[in-house]
Protein backbone atom coordinates (compact mmCIF):
# COMPACT_ATOMS: atom_id res chain seq x y z
CA MET A 1 -18.81 -30.30 -48.77
CA ASN A 2 -21.73 -31.31 -51.05
CA ALA A 3 -25.17 -31.48 -49.45
CA GLY A 4 -25.57 -35.14 -50.37
CA SER A 5 -22.19 -36.32 -49.22
CA ASP A 6 -22.07 -39.14 -46.65
CA THR A 7 -18.62 -38.25 -45.40
CA ALA A 8 -17.85 -35.19 -43.34
CA LYS A 9 -14.56 -33.40 -43.61
CA PRO A 10 -12.65 -33.79 -40.31
CA ALA A 11 -12.40 -30.65 -38.25
CA ARG A 12 -9.05 -28.91 -38.43
CA GLN A 13 -7.01 -29.45 -35.29
CA GLU A 14 -5.47 -26.20 -34.09
CA LYS A 15 -2.63 -26.07 -31.62
CA VAL A 16 -3.56 -24.13 -28.49
CA LEU A 17 -0.81 -21.70 -27.55
CA PRO A 18 -0.54 -19.63 -24.38
CA ILE A 19 -0.63 -15.84 -24.57
CA SER A 20 2.49 -14.47 -22.93
CA GLY A 21 2.01 -12.13 -20.01
CA PHE A 22 -1.31 -13.62 -18.88
CA PRO A 23 -0.43 -16.11 -16.12
CA GLU A 24 -2.67 -19.09 -15.39
CA TYR A 25 -1.93 -21.26 -12.37
CA LEU A 26 -2.38 -24.98 -11.83
CA PRO A 27 -4.67 -25.93 -8.91
CA ALA A 28 -1.90 -26.24 -6.30
CA GLU A 29 -0.40 -22.94 -7.45
CA ARG A 30 -3.81 -21.29 -7.33
CA ILE A 31 -4.14 -22.42 -3.71
CA VAL A 32 -0.88 -20.60 -2.94
CA GLU A 33 -2.27 -17.46 -4.58
CA GLN A 34 -5.58 -17.69 -2.75
CA ARG A 35 -3.88 -18.17 0.63
CA PHE A 36 -1.70 -15.13 -0.04
CA LEU A 37 -4.77 -13.06 -0.93
CA ASP A 38 -6.50 -14.33 2.23
CA VAL A 39 -3.56 -13.17 4.36
CA ILE A 40 -3.46 -9.79 2.60
CA ARG A 41 -7.20 -9.23 2.96
CA ASP A 42 -7.26 -10.30 6.61
CA THR A 43 -4.27 -8.13 7.51
CA PHE A 44 -5.66 -5.07 5.75
CA GLU A 45 -8.93 -5.46 7.61
CA LEU A 46 -7.13 -5.98 10.94
CA HIS A 47 -5.65 -2.53 10.34
CA GLY A 48 -9.08 -1.03 9.70
CA PHE A 49 -8.98 -0.60 5.92
CA SER A 50 -12.30 -0.84 4.08
CA SER A 51 -12.60 -2.75 0.82
CA ILE A 52 -13.65 -1.10 -2.42
CA GLU A 53 -13.68 -2.27 -6.01
CA THR A 54 -13.63 0.06 -8.99
CA ARG A 55 -14.52 -0.52 -12.61
CA SER A 56 -11.92 -2.00 -14.96
CA ILE A 57 -12.08 0.79 -17.57
CA GLU A 58 -11.38 4.51 -17.43
CA PRO A 59 -11.34 7.22 -20.10
CA ILE A 60 -8.15 6.90 -22.11
CA ASP A 61 -7.35 10.58 -21.83
CA ARG A 62 -7.41 10.26 -18.02
CA LEU A 63 -5.15 7.19 -18.09
CA SER A 64 -2.70 8.72 -20.56
CA ALA A 65 -2.31 11.80 -18.38
CA GLN A 66 -0.26 9.73 -15.92
CA GLY A 67 2.99 10.01 -17.85
CA GLU A 68 4.71 10.11 -21.19
CA ASP A 69 4.87 6.31 -21.46
CA ALA A 70 1.28 5.70 -20.43
CA ASP A 71 -0.07 5.60 -23.99
CA LYS A 72 2.14 2.62 -24.76
CA GLU A 73 0.77 0.69 -21.77
CA ILE A 74 -2.97 1.16 -22.22
CA TYR A 75 -5.13 -1.62 -23.63
CA ALA A 76 -8.02 0.06 -25.44
CA VAL A 77 -11.52 -1.42 -25.18
CA SER A 78 -13.58 -1.72 -28.36
CA ARG A 79 -16.84 -3.41 -29.33
CA LEU A 80 -15.45 -5.77 -31.91
CA ALA A 81 -18.52 -8.01 -31.91
CA ALA A 82 -20.72 -5.05 -32.76
CA GLY A 83 -18.76 -4.32 -35.90
CA ASP A 84 -18.49 -0.71 -34.78
CA SER A 85 -15.06 0.88 -35.20
CA GLY A 86 -16.10 4.46 -34.59
CA ASP A 87 -14.40 6.93 -32.31
CA ASN A 88 -16.50 5.84 -29.35
CA ASP A 89 -14.70 2.48 -29.33
CA THR A 90 -11.42 4.08 -28.32
CA ARG A 91 -12.75 6.21 -25.46
CA TRP A 92 -12.06 3.57 -22.84
CA GLY A 93 -8.96 1.74 -21.70
CA LEU A 94 -8.19 -0.91 -19.09
CA HIS A 95 -6.54 0.60 -16.02
CA PHE A 96 -2.85 -0.24 -15.58
CA ASP A 97 -2.75 0.50 -11.85
CA MET A 98 -5.20 1.45 -9.08
CA THR A 99 -4.21 5.11 -8.80
CA VAL A 100 -6.40 6.61 -11.53
CA PRO A 101 -9.57 4.70 -10.64
CA PHE A 102 -9.07 5.41 -6.92
CA ALA A 103 -8.58 9.14 -7.54
CA ARG A 104 -11.75 9.22 -9.62
CA TYR A 105 -13.61 7.19 -6.96
CA VAL A 106 -12.64 9.69 -4.25
CA LEU A 107 -13.81 12.65 -6.32
CA GLU A 108 -17.12 11.00 -7.24
CA ASN A 109 -17.90 9.87 -3.69
CA ALA A 110 -16.25 12.56 -1.56
CA GLY A 111 -19.59 13.63 -0.10
CA LYS A 112 -20.35 10.07 1.04
CA LEU A 113 -16.94 9.06 2.45
CA ASP A 114 -15.66 9.50 5.99
CA PHE A 115 -12.24 11.15 6.03
CA PRO A 116 -9.52 10.24 6.61
CA PHE A 117 -10.64 7.46 4.28
CA ARG A 118 -8.83 4.13 4.70
CA ARG A 119 -9.31 1.86 1.73
CA TYR A 120 -7.91 -1.37 0.36
CA GLN A 121 -8.36 -2.65 -3.15
CA ILE A 122 -7.38 -6.05 -4.56
CA GLN A 123 -7.96 -6.20 -8.31
CA LYS A 124 -6.59 -7.09 -11.69
CA ALA A 125 -4.78 -4.51 -13.80
CA TRP A 126 -3.50 -4.60 -17.37
CA ARG A 127 -0.36 -3.14 -18.84
CA GLY A 128 0.79 -3.39 -22.43
CA GLU A 129 4.48 -4.01 -21.87
CA ARG A 130 6.91 -6.71 -22.93
CA PRO A 131 6.33 -9.73 -20.68
CA GLN A 132 9.33 -11.02 -18.75
CA GLU A 133 10.05 -12.81 -15.52
CA GLY A 134 7.96 -11.24 -12.78
CA ARG A 135 6.29 -8.74 -15.15
CA TYR A 136 2.96 -9.42 -16.81
CA ARG A 137 0.33 -7.90 -19.06
CA GLU A 138 -2.42 -8.98 -16.68
CA PHE A 139 -1.66 -8.96 -12.97
CA THR A 140 -3.16 -8.59 -9.52
CA GLN A 141 -2.34 -5.71 -7.19
CA ALA A 142 -3.26 -5.22 -3.55
CA ASP A 143 -3.28 -1.55 -2.52
CA ILE A 144 -3.92 0.37 0.69
CA ASP A 145 -4.24 4.14 0.96
CA VAL A 146 -5.23 6.72 3.54
CA VAL A 147 -6.64 9.90 2.01
CA ASP A 148 -7.78 13.06 3.76
CA VAL A 149 -9.20 16.44 2.83
CA GLY A 150 -6.76 19.34 2.56
CA GLU A 151 -4.11 17.95 4.90
CA LEU A 152 -2.95 14.46 5.89
CA SER A 153 -1.27 13.73 9.22
CA ALA A 154 2.32 12.52 8.89
CA HIS A 155 1.80 9.57 11.25
CA PHE A 156 0.02 7.68 8.46
CA GLU A 157 3.35 7.52 6.61
CA ALA A 158 4.77 5.42 9.47
CA GLU A 159 1.77 3.09 9.39
CA MET A 160 2.07 1.89 5.77
CA PRO A 161 5.26 -0.21 6.12
CA LEU A 162 4.00 -1.73 9.38
CA VAL A 163 0.97 -3.12 7.55
CA VAL A 164 3.18 -4.62 4.85
CA ALA A 165 5.53 -6.08 7.48
CA ASP A 166 2.52 -7.77 9.07
CA VAL A 167 1.46 -9.25 5.71
CA PHE A 168 4.85 -10.72 4.86
CA SER A 169 5.44 -11.97 8.39
CA ARG A 170 2.27 -14.07 8.10
CA PHE A 171 3.08 -15.59 4.69
CA PRO A 172 6.20 -17.66 3.91
CA VAL A 173 7.94 -15.27 1.53
CA GLY A 174 11.25 -15.50 3.41
CA ASP A 175 13.33 -12.67 4.83
CA PHE A 176 12.44 -9.24 3.52
CA VAL A 177 13.27 -5.60 4.09
CA ILE A 178 11.19 -2.47 3.52
CA GLN A 179 13.41 0.37 2.33
CA VAL A 180 12.18 3.84 3.23
CA ASN A 181 13.27 7.33 2.24
CA ASN A 182 11.69 10.77 2.25
CA ARG A 183 11.79 12.79 -0.96
CA LYS A 184 12.35 15.98 1.05
CA ILE A 185 15.79 14.73 2.16
CA PRO A 186 17.46 14.64 -1.27
CA ASP A 187 15.38 17.65 -2.30
CA GLY A 188 16.73 19.67 0.65
CA VAL A 189 20.33 18.50 0.16
CA TYR A 190 20.28 19.21 -3.58
CA ARG A 191 18.88 22.70 -2.97
CA ALA A 192 21.43 23.39 -0.24
CA ILE A 193 24.37 22.60 -2.53
CA GLY A 194 22.93 24.23 -5.64
CA LEU A 195 22.06 21.14 -7.67
CA ASP A 196 18.57 22.53 -8.16
CA VAL A 197 20.17 25.22 -10.32
CA SER A 198 23.01 23.36 -12.05
CA VAL A 199 21.19 20.10 -12.85
CA GLY A 200 17.68 20.23 -11.38
CA VAL A 201 16.23 18.22 -8.50
CA ILE A 202 14.21 15.81 -10.64
CA GLU A 203 17.04 15.21 -13.10
CA THR A 204 19.48 14.58 -10.25
CA LEU A 205 17.08 12.09 -8.70
CA ARG A 206 16.67 10.41 -12.07
CA ILE A 207 20.43 9.98 -12.43
CA VAL A 208 21.06 8.84 -8.85
CA ASP A 209 18.21 6.34 -9.21
CA LYS A 210 20.45 4.43 -11.66
CA LEU A 211 23.00 3.55 -8.95
CA ASP A 212 21.96 -0.09 -8.63
CA LYS A 213 22.08 -0.58 -12.39
CA ILE A 214 25.26 1.20 -13.43
CA GLY A 215 27.23 1.84 -10.23
CA PRO A 216 28.56 5.02 -8.58
CA ASP A 217 31.37 5.74 -11.08
CA LYS A 218 29.02 5.98 -14.05
CA VAL A 219 26.48 7.93 -12.00
CA ARG A 220 29.22 10.46 -11.14
CA VAL A 221 30.05 10.83 -14.84
CA MET A 222 26.40 11.39 -15.68
CA LEU A 223 26.06 14.03 -12.96
CA LEU A 224 29.13 15.86 -14.21
CA GLU A 225 27.89 15.70 -17.80
CA ALA A 226 24.55 17.12 -16.63
CA GLY A 227 26.28 20.15 -15.14
CA ALA A 228 27.16 19.21 -11.55
CA THR A 229 30.50 20.12 -10.03
CA GLY A 230 32.75 17.46 -8.55
CA ALA A 231 31.83 18.52 -5.01
CA GLN A 232 28.10 18.42 -5.81
CA ALA A 233 28.39 14.95 -7.34
CA SER A 234 30.32 13.68 -4.32
CA THR A 235 27.69 14.98 -1.89
CA ALA A 236 24.84 13.47 -3.90
CA LEU A 237 26.58 10.08 -3.99
CA SER A 238 27.47 10.22 -0.29
CA LEU A 239 23.82 10.88 0.54
CA ALA A 240 22.69 7.92 -1.55
CA GLU A 241 25.10 5.58 0.26
CA ILE A 242 23.44 6.12 3.66
CA ARG A 243 21.47 3.10 4.84
CA THR A 244 20.63 2.30 8.49
CA THR A 245 18.15 0.27 10.52
CA ASP A 246 18.14 2.89 13.28
CA LEU A 247 18.11 6.67 13.66
CA SER A 248 21.82 7.07 12.97
CA PHE A 249 21.00 8.15 9.41
CA VAL A 250 20.16 11.59 10.82
CA GLU A 251 23.71 12.16 12.09
CA GLN A 252 25.17 10.78 8.85
CA VAL A 253 23.16 13.26 6.80
CA ARG A 254 24.11 16.12 9.13
CA ALA A 255 27.75 15.10 8.70
CA LEU A 256 27.50 16.10 5.04
CA GLY A 257 27.62 19.69 6.32
CA VAL A 258 24.50 21.01 4.59
CA SER A 259 21.31 22.52 5.95
CA HIS A 260 17.94 23.49 4.48
CA PRO A 261 14.39 23.78 5.91
CA VAL A 262 13.09 21.13 3.49
CA LEU A 263 15.87 18.77 4.60
CA ASP A 264 14.88 19.27 8.23
CA GLU A 265 11.28 18.35 7.45
CA GLY A 266 12.36 15.22 5.62
CA LEU A 267 14.69 14.04 8.38
CA ASP A 268 12.03 14.52 11.05
CA SER A 269 9.43 12.64 9.02
CA LEU A 270 11.72 9.73 8.14
CA ALA A 271 12.88 9.49 11.76
CA ASP A 272 9.25 8.98 12.82
CA VAL A 273 8.86 6.13 10.31
CA ILE A 274 12.08 4.40 11.37
CA ARG A 275 11.27 4.90 15.06
CA ALA A 276 7.92 3.12 14.55
CA GLY A 277 9.68 0.35 12.64
CA MET A 278 12.25 -0.16 15.38
CA GLU A 279 9.44 -0.64 17.89
CA HIS A 280 6.95 -2.72 15.92
CA ALA A 281 8.95 -4.41 13.12
CA PRO A 282 12.62 -4.40 14.20
CA GLY A 283 15.08 -5.07 11.39
CA ARG A 284 12.37 -5.03 8.73
CA ILE A 285 12.23 -1.29 8.00
CA VAL A 286 15.43 0.51 7.03
CA ALA A 287 16.29 4.05 6.03
CA ASP A 288 17.75 3.83 2.51
CA LEU A 289 18.48 7.28 1.09
CA ARG A 290 18.90 6.19 -2.51
CA ILE A 291 15.22 5.24 -2.88
CA ALA A 292 13.41 7.76 -5.11
CA ARG A 293 10.27 6.27 -6.76
CA GLY A 294 7.70 8.17 -8.82
CA LEU A 295 9.93 11.12 -9.61
CA ASP A 296 7.04 13.39 -10.64
CA TYR A 297 4.48 11.99 -8.26
CA TYR A 298 5.55 11.33 -4.67
CA THR A 299 6.25 14.25 -2.36
CA GLY A 300 7.17 12.72 1.00
CA THR A 301 7.95 9.25 2.33
CA VAL A 302 8.58 6.56 -0.31
CA TYR A 303 8.81 2.77 0.07
CA GLU A 304 10.31 -0.20 -1.73
CA THR A 305 10.39 -3.83 -0.57
CA GLN A 306 12.87 -6.58 -1.45
CA LEU A 307 13.38 -10.23 -0.60
CA LEU A 308 16.78 -10.79 1.00
CA GLY A 309 18.87 -13.07 -1.17
CA HIS A 310 16.76 -12.16 -4.21
CA GLU A 311 17.56 -8.47 -4.56
CA SER A 312 17.94 -8.93 -8.32
CA TRP A 313 14.16 -9.37 -8.49
CA GLY A 314 13.77 -5.71 -7.57
CA SER A 315 10.92 -4.25 -5.58
CA PHE A 316 7.58 -6.08 -5.39
CA CYS A 317 5.86 -3.71 -2.98
CA SER A 318 6.16 0.06 -3.21
CA GLY A 319 4.40 3.37 -2.71
CA GLY A 320 4.64 6.67 -0.91
CA ARG A 321 3.15 10.00 0.13
CA TYR A 322 1.46 12.23 -2.43
CA ASP A 323 0.06 15.67 -1.75
CA ALA A 324 -2.55 15.63 -4.50
CA LEU A 325 -4.13 12.28 -5.29
CA ALA A 326 -7.06 14.17 -6.74
CA SER A 327 -8.52 17.68 -6.86
CA ASP A 328 -11.85 19.08 -7.97
CA GLY A 329 -10.43 22.60 -8.35
CA ARG A 330 -11.52 23.64 -4.87
CA THR A 331 -10.46 20.76 -2.62
CA THR A 332 -7.29 18.71 -2.73
CA TYR A 333 -7.06 15.18 -1.35
CA PRO A 334 -3.56 14.26 -0.13
CA GLY A 335 -2.76 10.68 0.77
CA VAL A 336 -0.22 7.95 1.36
CA GLY A 337 -0.37 4.42 0.02
CA ILE A 338 1.50 1.26 -0.72
CA SER A 339 0.90 -1.47 -3.30
CA ILE A 340 1.77 -5.17 -3.20
CA GLY A 341 2.51 -6.66 -6.62
CA VAL A 342 0.73 -9.96 -5.92
CA SER A 343 1.32 -11.51 -9.34
CA ARG A 344 4.90 -10.28 -9.43
CA ILE A 345 6.01 -11.82 -6.15
CA LEU A 346 4.02 -15.04 -6.57
CA GLY A 347 5.19 -15.50 -10.14
CA LEU A 348 8.76 -15.46 -8.89
CA LEU A 349 8.18 -17.52 -5.73
CA ILE A 350 6.12 -20.17 -7.53
CA GLY A 351 8.28 -20.11 -10.64
CA LYS A 352 11.42 -20.74 -8.60
CA GLY A 353 9.72 -23.43 -6.51
CA LEU A 354 10.20 -21.44 -3.30
CA VAL A 355 6.63 -21.86 -2.02
CA THR A 356 4.37 -24.89 -2.35
CA ALA A 357 0.89 -25.98 -1.28
CA SER A 358 0.43 -29.19 0.70
CA ARG A 359 -2.25 -30.42 -1.72
CA SER A 360 -3.91 -29.48 -4.99
CA THR A 361 -7.48 -29.57 -3.68
CA PRO A 362 -9.28 -27.97 -0.75
CA ALA A 363 -10.64 -31.40 0.25
CA ALA A 364 -9.24 -32.78 3.51
CA VAL A 365 -11.18 -36.05 3.28
CA LEU A 366 -11.95 -38.48 0.47
CA ILE A 367 -15.16 -40.47 1.10
CA ALA A 368 -14.57 -43.95 -0.25
CA LEU A 369 -17.12 -45.98 -2.18
CA ASN A 370 -17.66 -49.64 -1.24
CA ALA A 371 -19.79 -50.16 -4.36
CA ASP A 372 -21.61 -47.93 -6.83
CA GLU A 373 -24.93 -48.62 -5.13
CA ASP A 374 -23.46 -47.29 -1.85
CA ARG A 375 -22.99 -43.78 -3.23
CA PRO A 376 -26.05 -42.42 -1.32
CA ARG A 377 -24.44 -43.44 2.00
CA SER A 378 -21.14 -41.79 1.04
CA THR A 379 -23.06 -38.68 -0.05
CA THR A 380 -24.73 -38.52 3.36
CA VAL A 381 -21.36 -38.72 5.12
CA ALA A 382 -19.96 -35.99 2.88
CA ALA A 383 -22.97 -33.71 3.52
CA THR A 384 -22.60 -34.17 7.28
CA LEU A 385 -18.88 -33.33 7.21
CA ARG A 386 -19.47 -30.29 5.02
CA ARG A 387 -22.13 -28.93 7.35
CA ARG A 388 -19.46 -29.04 10.05
CA GLY A 389 -17.00 -27.13 7.89
CA ILE A 390 -14.83 -30.08 6.80
CA PRO A 391 -14.03 -29.96 3.04
CA CYS A 392 -14.39 -33.33 1.38
CA GLU A 393 -15.12 -35.10 -1.88
CA ILE A 394 -16.48 -38.50 -2.82
CA ALA A 395 -14.36 -41.02 -4.71
CA PRO A 396 -15.17 -40.89 -8.43
CA THR A 397 -15.61 -44.68 -8.77
CA ALA A 398 -15.99 -47.72 -6.56
CA ALA A 399 -12.54 -49.02 -7.37
CA LYS A 400 -10.45 -51.18 -5.06
CA PHE A 401 -9.65 -49.36 -1.83
CA GLY A 402 -5.96 -49.34 -2.67
CA LYS A 403 -6.71 -47.43 -5.86
CA GLN A 404 -8.96 -44.98 -4.01
CA ILE A 405 -6.23 -44.35 -1.45
CA ARG A 406 -3.71 -43.72 -4.23
CA TYR A 407 -6.17 -41.27 -5.79
CA ALA A 408 -6.25 -39.36 -2.50
CA ALA A 409 -2.47 -39.47 -2.18
CA ARG A 410 -1.93 -38.01 -5.65
CA ARG A 411 -4.09 -35.03 -4.74
CA GLY A 412 -2.55 -34.65 -1.28
CA ILE A 413 -5.81 -35.47 0.56
CA PRO A 414 -4.68 -36.64 4.01
CA TYR A 415 -7.72 -38.70 5.10
CA VAL A 416 -9.86 -41.43 3.51
CA TRP A 417 -13.25 -42.13 5.06
CA PHE A 418 -14.60 -45.69 4.81
CA PRO A 419 -18.40 -45.97 5.34
CA GLY A 420 -18.93 -49.17 7.34
CA GLY A 421 -15.19 -49.60 7.57
CA ASP A 422 -15.02 -50.37 11.30
CA HIS A 423 -15.16 -54.18 11.31
CA GLU A 424 -15.98 -54.45 15.03
CA THR A 425 -19.05 -52.23 15.07
CA GLY A 426 -19.99 -51.92 11.43
CA GLY A 427 -19.68 -48.17 11.77
CA ASP A 428 -17.47 -45.84 9.78
CA ALA A 429 -13.68 -45.54 9.94
CA VAL A 430 -11.23 -42.85 8.86
CA LYS A 431 -7.63 -43.45 7.83
CA ASP A 432 -4.70 -41.07 7.87
CA ILE A 433 -2.99 -42.28 4.71
CA ARG A 434 0.30 -40.65 5.70
CA SER A 435 0.77 -42.65 8.89
CA GLY A 436 -1.53 -45.57 8.09
CA ASP A 437 -3.48 -45.08 11.33
CA GLN A 438 -7.15 -46.01 11.05
CA THR A 439 -9.77 -45.35 13.74
CA ALA A 440 -13.51 -45.61 14.18
CA ALA A 441 -15.29 -42.34 13.43
CA GLU A 442 -18.70 -40.72 13.23
CA ALA A 443 -19.40 -37.94 10.77
CA MET A 444 -21.30 -35.96 13.43
CA THR A 445 -18.40 -35.89 15.89
CA TRP A 446 -15.09 -36.55 14.12
CA THR A 447 -12.77 -33.55 14.19
CA CYS A 448 -10.26 -32.91 11.45
CA PRO A 449 -6.94 -31.69 12.91
CA ALA A 450 -6.62 -27.94 12.38
CA ASP A 451 -3.35 -28.28 10.46
CA ASP A 452 -5.05 -30.53 7.88
CA LEU A 453 -8.38 -28.72 7.55
CA ARG A 454 -7.08 -26.37 4.84
CA PRO A 455 -4.15 -26.75 2.44
CA ALA A 456 -0.95 -25.43 3.98
CA VAL A 457 1.45 -23.16 2.12
CA THR A 458 5.09 -23.64 3.05
CA ARG A 459 8.42 -22.27 1.93
CA ALA A 460 10.73 -24.80 0.33
CA PRO A 461 14.03 -25.47 2.14
């Protein structure tokens, strides 16, 4: 506009649109997420895992070395504000899982860590894929791993699913099952029947891994087209159909009539995992011999987790044993780990209305205002309650008490505190707005019921 103009041109109103794949929760939904993270963190620490946090960026060449599709998933980091578009801008990328940064962390700090090293890591990750239900471009993962130097004891493989079972037993996700296999079982069977020659172990695993998507008939056709004989295809499919909650899977595998030293190792290892599950998490951990996971990565036990009744959602917690998380050329660090897709499971549970928070604020008490000039007294009450660990807030205005109570009800706050509200003594009173009960109370002594002190997260009927 002209410098001397008296009228300003109105600012252009732009419509704010969400960016797909970057979830943002409303306050009540955020409380659900925070409670889930609290349970995860507490459970991990109960099992003796130490917390670490790694940087968000890694060299792109290190990230892209994780697979042929990795380049498509990496978000590159550049200094746009600096106006510099040189080669240095594309050196870094946001990590798309915790594996690469954790491997680098172990190598950089090996001389300072105590092995076997038990770590947990709860962080954001970024992946440049097409957003869809339960899959995001920005998401939170919660990982645990045990890593050792040179060799890793097999008993850690039995521990991983027990930790996850503890997490999900303490949070209202519903019924779940942790499916476990050992990569040495199909490896040994395929070698025993010659599939390692006719098709290849990895290719056979890749084909059999499609069972849930395309069914056994189409998998058989694919195996035959890849070079398997009819007998080999039948054995591979029979192996994949074995699923038990007890040790009977061993006899079922033996009944296939094949033997191989690698198979023996796999059966023994998986039996240890299932035996631990039967004792400490009965019915939660099952032997499922179609589970493959990370075809070029995992070398022993592998895990996937599903919600019963929602199997179409797929796995939201997975992992396994790897014999070489990292190596400096002289020392190799084998490990076993499992990862909870926090954003994935919560996006589905919250999106389907299956879990809810009892209120949208941490406050358990609303301190009422008799009049605006009484705010100092209400502030004193609030400070006293807070020092005693009782979350509260003060009413925004000195409206009629009925309006203040409705304000609390909308936010789910269960109690309203009335300074001077006890008509007999002139002292304070507190009201449970759910039942209507009102009693005399003192900020120094009143106890908030434990069930109301923090927002509760419950599973919908």
